[in-house]
Amino acid sequence: MRLSWRARRRWSLVVLLVALPAYVVAAVTVMNALDRPPLLVELAIYVGLGLAWALPLRFVFHGIGREEEPDGR
């Protein structure tokens, strides 16, 4: 099922305003529970966690900055 431009725009707002802050809080909580690993390991974990949320949701953000097409796609 393909989402319309309008639906993707709404879902992108939900992801950025609700899901992403919750994900950041969860990631920081998990990192604090690990008792601060070495700096490079911590950096690698944060980069991995950053990609872990962005890659699966890239279809939601695709084309959001463009004007709506006349046929609604």
Protein backbone atom coordinates (compact mmCIF):
# COMPACT_ATOMS: atom_id res chain seq x y z
CA MET A 1 0.00 0.00 0.00
CA ARG A 2 1.46 3.32 -1.08
CA LEU A 3 0.87 6.34 1.13
CA SER A 4 -0.28 9.58 -0.44
CA TRP A 5 1.84 12.70 -0.12
CA ARG A 6 -0.56 14.11 2.47
CA ALA A 7 -0.50 10.91 4.56
CA ARG A 8 3.31 10.77 4.42
CA ARG A 9 3.44 14.38 5.53
CA ARG A 10 1.21 13.67 8.54
CA TRP A 11 3.13 10.52 9.47
CA SER A 12 6.43 12.39 9.22
CA LEU A 13 5.14 14.90 11.77
CA VAL A 14 4.08 12.11 14.11
CA VAL A 15 7.46 10.43 13.77
CA LEU A 16 9.44 13.64 14.34
CA LEU A 17 7.33 15.03 17.19
CA VAL A 18 6.41 11.86 19.11
CA ALA A 19 8.37 8.79 18.09
CA LEU A 20 11.84 10.32 17.66
CA PRO A 21 11.97 12.01 21.10
CA ALA A 22 10.75 8.78 22.71
CA TYR A 23 13.43 6.85 20.81
CA VAL A 24 16.14 9.31 21.94
CA VAL A 25 15.08 8.97 25.58
CA ALA A 26 15.11 5.17 25.29
CA ALA A 27 18.56 5.18 23.62
CA VAL A 28 20.06 7.46 26.27
CA THR A 29 18.50 5.37 29.05
CA VAL A 30 20.04 2.21 27.61
CA MET A 31 23.42 3.91 27.20
CA ASN A 32 23.34 5.10 30.82
CA ALA A 33 22.61 1.56 31.94
CA LEU A 34 25.82 0.40 30.20
CA ASP A 35 27.97 2.47 32.60
CA ARG A 36 29.58 4.64 29.91
CA PRO A 37 31.58 2.49 27.49
CA PRO A 38 34.79 3.85 25.87
CA LEU A 39 34.29 6.93 23.70
CA LEU A 40 34.66 5.24 20.29
CA VAL A 41 32.34 2.41 21.29
CA GLU A 42 29.78 4.92 22.53
CA LEU A 43 30.06 6.90 19.30
CA ALA A 44 29.59 3.75 17.22
CA ILE A 45 26.51 2.79 19.24
CA TYR A 46 24.93 6.23 18.80
CA VAL A 47 25.64 6.21 15.05
CA GLY A 48 24.12 2.73 14.80
CA LEU A 49 21.05 3.79 16.77
CA GLY A 50 20.71 6.87 14.55
CA LEU A 51 20.64 4.72 11.45
CA ALA A 52 18.35 2.17 13.11
CA TRP A 53 15.43 4.60 13.22
CA ALA A 54 16.15 6.53 10.02
CA LEU A 55 16.61 3.74 7.49
CA PRO A 56 13.31 1.92 8.05
CA LEU A 57 11.34 5.18 7.98
CA ARG A 58 12.97 6.83 4.96
CA PHE A 59 9.93 6.07 2.79
CA VAL A 60 7.82 8.31 5.08
CA PHE A 61 10.12 11.30 4.55
CA HIS A 62 10.69 10.82 0.81
CA GLY A 63 9.41 13.88 -1.08
CA ILE A 64 7.92 15.68 1.90
CA GLY A 65 9.77 18.93 1.17
CA ARG A 66 8.42 19.17 -2.36
CA GLU A 67 5.16 20.75 -3.41
CA GLU A 68 2.18 18.43 -3.69
CA GLU A 69 1.85 17.03 -7.19
CA PRO A 70 -1.39 17.84 -9.07
CA ASP A 71 -2.51 14.20 -9.17
CA GLY A 72 -2.02 13.77 -5.41
CA ARG A 73 1.05 11.50 -5.48
